[in-house]
Amino acid sequence: MPRLRYLPTWADVLEECAAEQPTARSLVAQIGACEAAALAFCRLLERWARGDAEPATAGGRRAALQEAAERVEAALEGVESPLSCYLIELEPERAEGSSWFGEPGRAELVDWEPVLSRAGVEAEPHRVAAAYLELAVLIRALEGLSAAVGFQASPDRGSLWAGLFDLRENLLGRAQDDLRALAA
């Protein structure tokens, strides 16, 4: 009978490097909520970009975008405190490390104006583009961290701290403002 093999993820790295396990568990839960909400937000827009106009009405699509933005914004609000605590507790040996995720890729740079127009959704395209970009980077960063762990190439504490700090600065500033505006 084949054995199931456990593949470690980004959550395992956060728990392994944590100074305090309750902080790590809280952070993992909140980042998991952010990841799920970000995926739902991005997939909604990507379906519209492919021409799949669900929900069936423009009003329904606008409501779906608002709801998806609200869920991500709420998840980001929930991650702020545990992430700040985790960063303080992590205390890397070096003051700086290299971030473990890259810049946005070409596939993440999308002009959402024609998509929103075709979907009949009135929303500021630059806010949609900025939110989508930051959330896509979050998703890719977590996938990259999981892949690094799977290849036994986890970042050192300094690099983990630098990457989490960068994510915090990007997500809890500009992206949160854009999502708040889209949810209104």
N, C-alpha and C. Protein backbone atom coordinates (compact mmCIF):
# COMPACT_ATOMS: atom_id res chain seq x y z
N MET A 1 0.85 -1.17 0.00
CA MET A 1 0.00 0.00 0.00
C MET A 1 0.89 1.24 0.00
N PRO A 2 0.63 2.19 -0.89
CA PRO A 2 1.47 3.39 -0.95
C PRO A 2 1.28 4.24 0.32
N ARG A 3 2.38 4.84 0.73
CA ARG A 3 2.33 5.68 1.92
C ARG A 3 2.09 7.13 1.50
N LEU A 4 1.28 7.80 2.27
CA LEU A 4 1.08 9.22 2.04
C LEU A 4 2.27 9.97 2.60
N ARG A 5 2.73 10.91 1.84
CA ARG A 5 3.88 11.69 2.28
C ARG A 5 3.42 13.10 2.62
N TYR A 6 3.84 13.58 3.77
CA TYR A 6 3.50 14.93 4.19
C TYR A 6 4.46 15.92 3.55
N LEU A 7 3.91 16.91 2.87
CA LEU A 7 4.73 17.96 2.29
C LEU A 7 4.59 19.21 3.16
N PRO A 8 5.70 19.68 3.70
CA PRO A 8 5.62 20.88 4.54
C PRO A 8 5.23 22.11 3.74
N THR A 9 4.66 23.09 4.43
CA THR A 9 4.19 24.31 3.78
C THR A 9 4.76 25.54 4.47
N TRP A 10 4.34 26.70 4.01
CA TRP A 10 4.75 27.96 4.61
C TRP A 10 4.39 28.00 6.09
N ALA A 11 3.26 27.39 6.45
CA ALA A 11 2.84 27.38 7.86
C ALA A 11 3.86 26.66 8.73
N ASP A 12 4.46 25.60 8.21
CA ASP A 12 5.46 24.86 8.98
C ASP A 12 6.70 25.72 9.25
N VAL A 13 7.09 26.54 8.28
CA VAL A 13 8.24 27.43 8.47
C VAL A 13 7.94 28.44 9.57
N LEU A 14 6.75 29.02 9.52
CA LEU A 14 6.39 30.02 10.53
C LEU A 14 6.35 29.40 11.92
N GLU A 15 5.83 28.20 12.03
CA GLU A 15 5.77 27.54 13.33
C GLU A 15 7.16 27.12 13.80
N GLU A 16 7.97 26.64 12.89
CA GLU A 16 9.32 26.20 13.24
C GLU A 16 10.19 27.34 13.73
N CYS A 17 10.07 28.51 13.13
CA CYS A 17 10.92 29.65 13.48
C CYS A 17 10.36 30.50 14.61
N ALA A 18 9.15 30.22 15.05
CA ALA A 18 8.49 31.06 16.05
C ALA A 18 9.15 30.97 17.42
N ALA A 19 9.18 32.10 18.09
CA ALA A 19 9.65 32.13 19.47
C ALA A 19 8.53 31.69 20.41
N GLU A 20 7.32 32.06 20.07
CA GLU A 20 6.14 31.73 20.88
C GLU A 20 5.11 31.01 20.00
N GLN A 21 4.76 29.79 20.33
CA GLN A 21 3.83 29.01 19.51
C GLN A 21 2.43 29.63 19.42
N PRO A 22 1.89 30.22 20.49
CA PRO A 22 0.55 30.84 20.33
C PRO A 22 0.56 31.95 19.27
N THR A 23 1.63 32.73 19.21
CA THR A 23 1.73 33.78 18.19
C THR A 23 1.78 33.15 16.81
N ALA A 24 2.56 32.09 16.67
CA ALA A 24 2.68 31.41 15.37
C ALA A 24 1.34 30.83 14.94
N ARG A 25 0.63 30.18 15.85
CA ARG A 25 -0.66 29.59 15.49
C ARG A 25 -1.66 30.66 15.06
N SER A 26 -1.66 31.77 15.79
CA SER A 26 -2.55 32.87 15.43
C SER A 26 -2.19 33.43 14.06
N LEU A 27 -0.90 33.62 13.82
CA LEU A 27 -0.44 34.15 12.53
C LEU A 27 -0.77 33.19 11.39
N VAL A 28 -0.53 31.92 11.59
CA VAL A 28 -0.82 30.92 10.55
C VAL A 28 -2.30 30.93 10.21
N ALA A 29 -3.16 30.99 11.22
CA ALA A 29 -4.60 31.02 10.97
C ALA A 29 -5.00 32.25 10.18
N GLN A 30 -4.45 33.40 10.55
CA GLN A 30 -4.81 34.65 9.87
C GLN A 30 -4.24 34.72 8.46
N ILE A 31 -3.01 34.26 8.27
CA ILE A 31 -2.46 34.26 6.91
C ILE A 31 -3.22 33.26 6.05
N GLY A 32 -3.63 32.15 6.64
CA GLY A 32 -4.46 31.20 5.91
C GLY A 32 -5.77 31.83 5.46
N ALA A 33 -6.38 32.62 6.33
CA ALA A 33 -7.61 33.33 5.98
C ALA A 33 -7.34 34.35 4.87
N CYS A 34 -6.21 35.05 4.97
CA CYS A 34 -5.83 36.01 3.92
C CYS A 34 -5.62 35.31 2.59
N GLU A 35 -4.93 34.17 2.63
CA GLU A 35 -4.67 33.43 1.41
C GLU A 35 -5.97 32.99 0.75
N ALA A 36 -6.90 32.45 1.54
CA ALA A 36 -8.17 31.99 0.99
C ALA A 36 -8.98 33.15 0.40
N ALA A 37 -9.04 34.27 1.13
CA ALA A 37 -9.79 35.42 0.65
C ALA A 37 -9.13 36.03 -0.59
N ALA A 38 -7.80 36.07 -0.60
CA ALA A 38 -7.07 36.61 -1.75
C ALA A 38 -7.29 35.75 -2.99
N LEU A 39 -7.25 34.43 -2.80
CA LEU A 39 -7.52 33.53 -3.93
C LEU A 39 -8.91 33.75 -4.49
N ALA A 40 -9.91 33.90 -3.62
CA ALA A 40 -11.28 34.10 -4.07
C ALA A 40 -11.41 35.42 -4.84
N PHE A 41 -10.77 36.48 -4.34
CA PHE A 41 -10.80 37.78 -5.00
C PHE A 41 -10.16 37.69 -6.39
N CYS A 42 -8.96 37.13 -6.44
CA CYS A 42 -8.24 37.03 -7.72
C CYS A 42 -8.97 36.13 -8.71
N ARG A 43 -9.50 35.01 -8.24
CA ARG A 43 -10.21 34.10 -9.14
C ARG A 43 -11.48 34.72 -9.69
N LEU A 44 -12.17 35.53 -8.88
CA LEU A 44 -13.36 36.23 -9.36
C LEU A 44 -13.00 37.11 -10.56
N LEU A 45 -11.96 37.91 -10.40
CA LEU A 45 -11.53 38.80 -11.48
C LEU A 45 -11.03 38.01 -12.70
N GLU A 46 -10.31 36.94 -12.44
CA GLU A 46 -9.78 36.13 -13.55
C GLU A 46 -10.91 35.47 -14.34
N ARG A 47 -11.98 35.05 -13.66
CA ARG A 47 -13.14 34.50 -14.38
C ARG A 47 -13.74 35.56 -15.29
N TRP A 48 -13.86 36.78 -14.78
CA TRP A 48 -14.41 37.86 -15.61
C TRP A 48 -13.50 38.14 -16.79
N ALA A 49 -12.21 38.08 -16.57
CA ALA A 49 -11.26 38.33 -17.67
C ALA A 49 -11.41 37.28 -18.76
N ARG A 50 -11.78 36.06 -18.40
CA ARG A 50 -12.00 34.99 -19.39
C ARG A 50 -13.37 35.08 -20.04
N GLY A 51 -14.21 36.02 -19.59
CA GLY A 51 -15.54 36.17 -20.17
C GLY A 51 -16.63 35.44 -19.43
N ASP A 52 -16.31 34.84 -18.29
CA ASP A 52 -17.30 34.13 -17.49
C ASP A 52 -17.94 35.14 -16.53
N ALA A 53 -19.04 35.71 -16.94
CA ALA A 53 -19.67 36.79 -16.18
C ALA A 53 -20.61 36.25 -15.11
N GLU A 54 -20.05 35.67 -14.09
CA GLU A 54 -20.81 35.19 -12.94
C GLU A 54 -20.56 36.13 -11.79
N PRO A 55 -21.55 36.50 -11.09
CA PRO A 55 -22.99 36.29 -11.21
C PRO A 55 -23.55 36.83 -12.53
N ALA A 56 -24.80 36.51 -12.78
CA ALA A 56 -25.39 36.77 -14.09
C ALA A 56 -25.70 38.23 -14.36
N THR A 57 -25.84 39.06 -13.35
CA THR A 57 -26.19 40.46 -13.57
C THR A 57 -25.03 41.37 -13.17
N ALA A 58 -25.01 42.56 -13.75
CA ALA A 58 -23.97 43.53 -13.42
C ALA A 58 -24.05 43.91 -11.93
N GLY A 59 -25.26 44.06 -11.40
CA GLY A 59 -25.42 44.37 -9.98
C GLY A 59 -24.90 43.24 -9.10
N GLY A 60 -25.15 42.02 -9.52
CA GLY A 60 -24.63 40.86 -8.79
C GLY A 60 -23.12 40.79 -8.84
N ARG A 61 -22.55 41.15 -9.99
CA ARG A 61 -21.10 41.15 -10.12
C ARG A 61 -20.48 42.24 -9.25
N ARG A 62 -21.11 43.40 -9.22
CA ARG A 62 -20.61 44.49 -8.36
C ARG A 62 -20.66 44.07 -6.89
N ALA A 63 -21.75 43.44 -6.50
CA ALA A 63 -21.89 42.97 -5.12
C ALA A 63 -20.85 41.89 -4.81
N ALA A 64 -20.58 41.02 -5.78
CA ALA A 64 -19.57 39.97 -5.58
C ALA A 64 -18.18 40.57 -5.39
N LEU A 65 -17.88 41.62 -6.18
CA LEU A 65 -16.58 42.28 -6.03
C LEU A 65 -16.48 42.96 -4.66
N GLN A 66 -17.55 43.63 -4.25
CA GLN A 66 -17.55 44.29 -2.94
C GLN A 66 -17.38 43.27 -1.82
N GLU A 67 -18.10 42.17 -1.91
CA GLU A 67 -18.02 41.13 -0.88
C GLU A 67 -16.62 40.51 -0.83
N ALA A 68 -16.04 40.24 -1.99
CA ALA A 68 -14.69 39.66 -2.02
C ALA A 68 -13.68 40.64 -1.45
N ALA A 69 -13.82 41.93 -1.77
CA ALA A 69 -12.92 42.95 -1.23
C ALA A 69 -13.09 43.07 0.28
N GLU A 70 -14.32 43.01 0.77
CA GLU A 70 -14.58 43.06 2.21
C GLU A 70 -13.92 41.90 2.94
N ARG A 71 -14.04 40.69 2.37
CA ARG A 71 -13.44 39.51 3.02
C ARG A 71 -11.93 39.63 3.10
N VAL A 72 -11.30 40.10 2.02
CA VAL A 72 -9.84 40.24 2.05
C VAL A 72 -9.45 41.34 3.03
N GLU A 73 -10.16 42.44 3.01
CA GLU A 73 -9.84 43.55 3.90
C GLU A 73 -9.98 43.13 5.36
N ALA A 74 -11.02 42.37 5.68
CA ALA A 74 -11.21 41.88 7.06
C ALA A 74 -10.09 40.91 7.44
N ALA A 75 -9.70 40.06 6.52
CA ALA A 75 -8.60 39.11 6.81
C ALA A 75 -7.29 39.86 7.02
N LEU A 76 -7.05 40.90 6.25
CA LEU A 76 -5.84 41.69 6.42
C LEU A 76 -5.84 42.42 7.76
N GLU A 77 -6.98 42.92 8.16
CA GLU A 77 -7.07 43.56 9.47
C GLU A 77 -6.74 42.56 10.57
N GLY A 78 -7.19 41.34 10.41
CA GLY A 78 -6.94 40.31 11.42
C GLY A 78 -5.50 39.85 11.48
N VAL A 79 -4.75 40.03 10.40
CA VAL A 79 -3.36 39.57 10.38
C VAL A 79 -2.40 40.60 10.97
N GLU A 80 -2.82 41.84 11.05
CA GLU A 80 -1.93 42.92 11.47
C GLU A 80 -1.30 42.68 12.85
N SER A 81 -2.08 42.38 13.84
CA SER A 81 -1.55 42.22 15.20
C SER A 81 -0.66 40.98 15.34
N PRO A 82 -1.12 39.79 14.91
CA PRO A 82 -0.23 38.63 15.06
C PRO A 82 1.05 38.74 14.23
N LEU A 83 0.98 39.38 13.07
CA LEU A 83 2.18 39.54 12.25
C LEU A 83 3.16 40.48 12.92
N SER A 84 2.67 41.57 13.48
CA SER A 84 3.56 42.50 14.18
C SER A 84 4.22 41.80 15.38
N CYS A 85 3.44 41.04 16.14
CA CYS A 85 4.00 40.31 17.28
C CYS A 85 5.04 39.29 16.82
N TYR A 86 4.73 38.58 15.75
CA TYR A 86 5.64 37.55 15.23
C TYR A 86 6.96 38.18 14.81
N LEU A 87 6.89 39.32 14.12
CA LEU A 87 8.10 39.99 13.67
C LEU A 87 8.96 40.44 14.86
N ILE A 88 8.32 40.93 15.90
CA ILE A 88 9.06 41.34 17.10
C ILE A 88 9.71 40.13 17.76
N GLU A 89 8.96 39.05 17.86
CA GLU A 89 9.47 37.84 18.52
C GLU A 89 10.54 37.13 17.71
N LEU A 90 10.47 37.24 16.38
CA LEU A 90 11.40 36.52 15.51
C LEU A 90 12.85 36.94 15.76
N GLU A 91 13.08 38.21 15.93
CA GLU A 91 14.41 38.75 16.22
C GLU A 91 15.53 38.00 15.51
N PRO A 92 15.71 38.25 14.22
CA PRO A 92 16.76 37.55 13.48
C PRO A 92 18.15 37.95 13.96
N GLU A 93 19.11 37.05 13.71
CA GLU A 93 20.50 37.32 14.09
C GLU A 93 21.02 38.56 13.37
N ARG A 94 20.68 38.68 12.09
CA ARG A 94 21.07 39.84 11.29
C ARG A 94 19.90 40.79 11.21
N ALA A 95 20.22 42.07 11.13
CA ALA A 95 19.16 43.07 11.04
C ALA A 95 18.40 42.96 9.73
N GLU A 96 19.05 42.47 8.68
CA GLU A 96 18.39 42.36 7.38
C GLU A 96 18.71 41.02 6.73
N GLY A 97 17.80 40.57 5.95
CA GLY A 97 18.00 39.38 5.13
C GLY A 97 17.44 39.68 3.76
N SER A 98 17.54 38.72 2.87
CA SER A 98 16.95 38.93 1.55
C SER A 98 15.54 38.38 1.57
N SER A 99 14.64 39.10 0.92
CA SER A 99 13.25 38.68 0.87
C SER A 99 13.15 37.38 0.08
N TRP A 100 12.24 36.51 0.44
CA TRP A 100 12.11 35.20 -0.19
C TRP A 100 11.04 35.17 -1.27
N PHE A 101 10.60 36.32 -1.70
CA PHE A 101 9.69 36.34 -2.85
C PHE A 101 10.09 37.45 -3.78
N GLY A 102 9.67 37.30 -5.02
CA GLY A 102 10.11 38.22 -6.06
C GLY A 102 9.12 39.31 -6.37
N GLU A 103 9.47 40.08 -7.35
CA GLU A 103 8.62 41.16 -7.83
C GLU A 103 7.44 40.57 -8.60
N PRO A 104 6.44 41.39 -8.87
CA PRO A 104 5.30 40.92 -9.65
C PRO A 104 5.74 40.44 -11.03
N GLY A 105 5.08 39.39 -11.50
CA GLY A 105 5.35 38.88 -12.84
C GLY A 105 4.47 39.56 -13.87
N ARG A 106 4.78 39.34 -15.13
CA ARG A 106 4.01 39.95 -16.22
C ARG A 106 2.55 39.55 -16.19
N ALA A 107 2.27 38.32 -15.79
CA ALA A 107 0.89 37.84 -15.78
C ALA A 107 0.06 38.56 -14.72
N GLU A 108 0.71 39.17 -13.75
CA GLU A 108 -0.01 39.86 -12.69
C GLU A 108 -0.29 41.31 -13.03
N LEU A 109 0.31 41.81 -14.09
CA LEU A 109 0.09 43.20 -14.51
C LEU A 109 -1.01 43.23 -15.56
N VAL A 110 -2.21 43.53 -15.12
CA VAL A 110 -3.38 43.46 -15.99
C VAL A 110 -4.08 44.81 -16.00
N ASP A 111 -4.54 45.23 -17.17
CA ASP A 111 -5.40 46.41 -17.27
C ASP A 111 -6.83 45.92 -17.06
N TRP A 112 -7.40 46.24 -15.91
CA TRP A 112 -8.71 45.71 -15.56
C TRP A 112 -9.86 46.56 -16.10
N GLU A 113 -9.57 47.73 -16.69
CA GLU A 113 -10.66 48.58 -17.17
C GLU A 113 -11.55 47.88 -18.20
N PRO A 114 -10.98 47.24 -19.25
CA PRO A 114 -11.88 46.58 -20.21
C PRO A 114 -12.63 45.39 -19.60
N VAL A 115 -12.02 44.74 -18.67
CA VAL A 115 -12.68 43.60 -18.01
C VAL A 115 -13.87 44.10 -17.18
N LEU A 116 -13.64 45.13 -16.39
CA LEU A 116 -14.71 45.68 -15.56
C LEU A 116 -15.82 46.26 -16.44
N SER A 117 -15.44 46.91 -17.51
CA SER A 117 -16.42 47.49 -18.45
C SER A 117 -17.29 46.39 -19.05
N ARG A 118 -16.65 45.35 -19.53
CA ARG A 118 -17.37 44.23 -20.15
C ARG A 118 -18.29 43.55 -19.13
N ALA A 119 -17.85 43.49 -17.86
CA ALA A 119 -18.65 42.86 -16.81
C ALA A 119 -19.75 43.79 -16.30
N GLY A 120 -19.70 45.07 -16.71
CA GLY A 120 -20.71 46.02 -16.26
C GLY A 120 -20.53 46.44 -14.81
N VAL A 121 -19.29 46.37 -14.33
CA VAL A 121 -19.00 46.70 -12.93
C VAL A 121 -18.30 48.06 -12.88
N GLU A 122 -18.90 48.97 -12.15
CA GLU A 122 -18.30 50.28 -11.97
C GLU A 122 -17.39 50.22 -10.75
N ALA A 123 -16.11 50.23 -11.02
CA ALA A 123 -15.10 50.23 -9.96
C ALA A 123 -13.87 50.91 -10.56
N GLU A 124 -13.08 51.51 -9.68
CA GLU A 124 -11.87 52.18 -10.16
C GLU A 124 -10.85 51.14 -10.61
N PRO A 125 -10.55 51.08 -11.91
CA PRO A 125 -9.65 50.05 -12.42
C PRO A 125 -8.26 50.08 -11.79
N HIS A 126 -7.76 51.27 -11.46
CA HIS A 126 -6.43 51.33 -10.85
C HIS A 126 -6.44 50.71 -9.46
N ARG A 127 -7.54 50.83 -8.73
CA ARG A 127 -7.64 50.19 -7.41
C ARG A 127 -7.74 48.68 -7.55
N VAL A 128 -8.52 48.23 -8.52
CA VAL A 128 -8.64 46.79 -8.77
C VAL A 128 -7.28 46.23 -9.16
N ALA A 129 -6.57 46.92 -10.05
CA ALA A 129 -5.25 46.45 -10.49
C ALA A 129 -4.27 46.39 -9.33
N ALA A 130 -4.25 47.42 -8.51
CA ALA A 130 -3.31 47.46 -7.38
C ALA A 130 -3.62 46.36 -6.36
N ALA A 131 -4.91 46.19 -6.03
CA ALA A 131 -5.29 45.15 -5.06
C ALA A 131 -4.97 43.77 -5.62
N TYR A 132 -5.35 43.54 -6.89
CA TYR A 132 -5.07 42.25 -7.51
C TYR A 132 -3.57 41.95 -7.49
N LEU A 133 -2.78 42.93 -7.84
CA LEU A 133 -1.33 42.76 -7.90
C LEU A 133 -0.77 42.39 -6.53
N GLU A 134 -1.12 43.12 -5.49
CA GLU A 134 -0.60 42.82 -4.15
C GLU A 134 -1.06 41.45 -3.67
N LEU A 135 -2.30 41.10 -3.94
CA LEU A 135 -2.82 39.81 -3.49
C LEU A 135 -2.20 38.66 -4.28
N ALA A 136 -1.98 38.87 -5.57
CA ALA A 136 -1.31 37.84 -6.37
C ALA A 136 0.12 37.63 -5.89
N VAL A 137 0.78 38.71 -5.50
CA VAL A 137 2.14 38.59 -4.96
C VAL A 137 2.11 37.82 -3.64
N LEU A 138 1.12 38.09 -2.78
CA LEU A 138 0.98 37.33 -1.53
C LEU A 138 0.81 35.84 -1.81
N ILE A 139 -0.09 35.52 -2.71
CA ILE A 139 -0.35 34.12 -3.03
C ILE A 139 0.91 33.45 -3.57
N ARG A 140 1.58 34.13 -4.50
CA ARG A 140 2.80 33.56 -5.08
C ARG A 140 3.90 33.44 -4.03
N ALA A 141 4.00 34.41 -3.13
CA ALA A 141 5.02 34.36 -2.08
C ALA A 141 4.81 33.15 -1.17
N LEU A 142 3.55 32.90 -0.79
CA LEU A 142 3.27 31.75 0.07
C LEU A 142 3.53 30.44 -0.65
N GLU A 143 3.18 30.38 -1.93
CA GLU A 143 3.46 29.17 -2.72
C GLU A 143 4.97 28.97 -2.85
N GLY A 144 5.70 30.06 -3.06
CA GLY A 144 7.16 29.97 -3.18
C GLY A 144 7.81 29.53 -1.88
N LEU A 145 7.29 30.03 -0.78
CA LEU A 145 7.82 29.62 0.53
C LEU A 145 7.54 28.15 0.77
N SER A 146 6.36 27.70 0.41
CA SER A 146 6.04 26.26 0.53
C SER A 146 6.95 25.42 -0.35
N ALA A 147 7.21 25.88 -1.57
CA ALA A 147 8.10 25.13 -2.47
C ALA A 147 9.51 25.09 -1.91
N ALA A 148 9.97 26.20 -1.36
CA ALA A 148 11.32 26.22 -0.77
C ALA A 148 11.42 25.22 0.38
N VAL A 149 10.40 25.16 1.18
CA VAL A 149 10.38 24.21 2.29
C VAL A 149 10.38 22.78 1.75
N GLY A 150 9.60 22.55 0.71
CA GLY A 150 9.56 21.22 0.09
C GLY A 150 10.90 20.78 -0.46
N PHE A 151 11.69 21.73 -0.91
CA PHE A 151 13.04 21.43 -1.42
C PHE A 151 14.10 21.53 -0.34
N GLN A 152 13.64 21.66 0.90
CA GLN A 152 14.53 21.79 2.06
C GLN A 152 15.47 22.98 1.89
N ALA A 153 14.92 24.08 1.40
CA ALA A 153 15.69 25.30 1.20
C ALA A 153 14.99 26.47 1.90
N SER A 154 14.53 26.22 3.12
CA SER A 154 13.82 27.25 3.87
C SER A 154 14.70 28.48 4.07
N PRO A 155 14.10 29.66 4.07
CA PRO A 155 14.90 30.86 4.30
C PRO A 155 15.41 30.90 5.74
N ASP A 156 16.53 31.58 5.94
CA ASP A 156 17.02 31.75 7.31
C ASP A 156 16.11 32.76 8.02
N ARG A 157 16.30 32.92 9.32
CA ARG A 157 15.44 33.80 10.12
C ARG A 157 15.46 35.24 9.60
N GLY A 158 16.63 35.72 9.21
CA GLY A 158 16.72 37.08 8.70
C GLY A 158 15.94 37.26 7.42
N SER A 159 16.01 36.29 6.53
CA SER A 159 15.27 36.36 5.27
C SER A 159 13.77 36.19 5.50
N LEU A 160 13.40 35.30 6.42
CA LEU A 160 11.99 35.14 6.75
C LEU A 160 11.44 36.45 7.29
N TRP A 161 12.20 37.08 8.18
CA TRP A 161 11.77 38.35 8.76
C TRP A 161 11.63 39.41 7.65
N ALA A 162 12.61 39.50 6.76
CA ALA A 162 12.58 40.50 5.68
C ALA A 162 11.37 40.29 4.77
N GLY A 163 11.09 39.05 4.40
CA GLY A 163 9.94 38.77 3.53
C GLY A 163 8.62 39.10 4.20
N LEU A 164 8.48 38.71 5.48
CA LEU A 164 7.25 39.01 6.19
C LEU A 164 7.08 40.52 6.40
N PHE A 165 8.18 41.20 6.65
CA PHE A 165 8.13 42.65 6.80
C PHE A 165 7.68 43.30 5.50
N ASP A 166 8.24 42.86 4.37
CA ASP A 166 7.84 43.40 3.06
C ASP A 166 6.36 43.14 2.78
N LEU A 167 5.91 41.93 3.06
CA LEU A 167 4.49 41.62 2.84
C LEU A 167 3.62 42.52 3.71
N ARG A 168 4.00 42.70 4.96
CA ARG A 168 3.22 43.56 5.86
C ARG A 168 3.14 44.98 5.30
N GLU A 169 4.26 45.51 4.88
CA GLU A 169 4.28 46.89 4.38
C GLU A 169 3.41 47.04 3.14
N ASN A 170 3.42 46.06 2.25
CA ASN A 170 2.63 46.14 1.02
C ASN A 170 1.15 45.89 1.28
N LEU A 171 0.84 44.88 2.07
CA LEU A 171 -0.55 44.49 2.25
C LEU A 171 -1.29 45.40 3.22
N LEU A 172 -0.64 45.79 4.28
CA LEU A 172 -1.35 46.55 5.31
C LEU A 172 -1.34 48.05 5.06
N GLY A 173 -0.83 48.45 3.95
CA GLY A 173 -0.84 49.87 3.60
C GLY A 173 -1.72 50.08 2.39
N ARG A 174 -1.07 50.07 1.25
CA ARG A 174 -1.75 50.39 -0.01
C ARG A 174 -2.87 49.42 -0.35
N ALA A 175 -2.62 48.14 -0.24
CA ALA A 175 -3.63 47.16 -0.64
C ALA A 175 -4.87 47.28 0.22
N GLN A 176 -4.68 47.47 1.51
CA GLN A 176 -5.83 47.60 2.40
C GLN A 176 -6.67 48.83 2.04
N ASP A 177 -6.03 49.92 1.69
CA ASP A 177 -6.76 51.13 1.29
C ASP A 177 -7.56 50.88 0.01
N ASP A 178 -6.94 50.21 -0.95
CA ASP A 178 -7.64 49.92 -2.21
C ASP A 178 -8.81 48.98 -1.98
N LEU A 179 -8.62 47.97 -1.17
CA LEU A 179 -9.70 47.03 -0.88
C LEU A 179 -10.86 47.71 -0.13
N ARG A 180 -10.51 48.58 0.80
CA ARG A 180 -11.53 49.32 1.54
C ARG A 180 -12.38 50.16 0.57
N ALA A 181 -11.72 50.80 -0.39
CA ALA A 181 -12.44 51.62 -1.38
C ALA A 181 -13.33 50.74 -2.28
N LEU A 182 -12.84 49.57 -2.65
CA LEU A 182 -13.63 48.67 -3.50
C LEU A 182 -14.81 48.08 -2.75
N ALA A 183 -14.66 47.89 -1.45
CA ALA A 183 -15.73 47.32 -0.65
C ALA A 183 -16.84 48.33 -0.35
N ALA A 184 -16.53 49.61 -0.48
CA ALA A 184 -17.51 50.66 -0.15
C ALA A 184 -18.62 50.74 -1.17
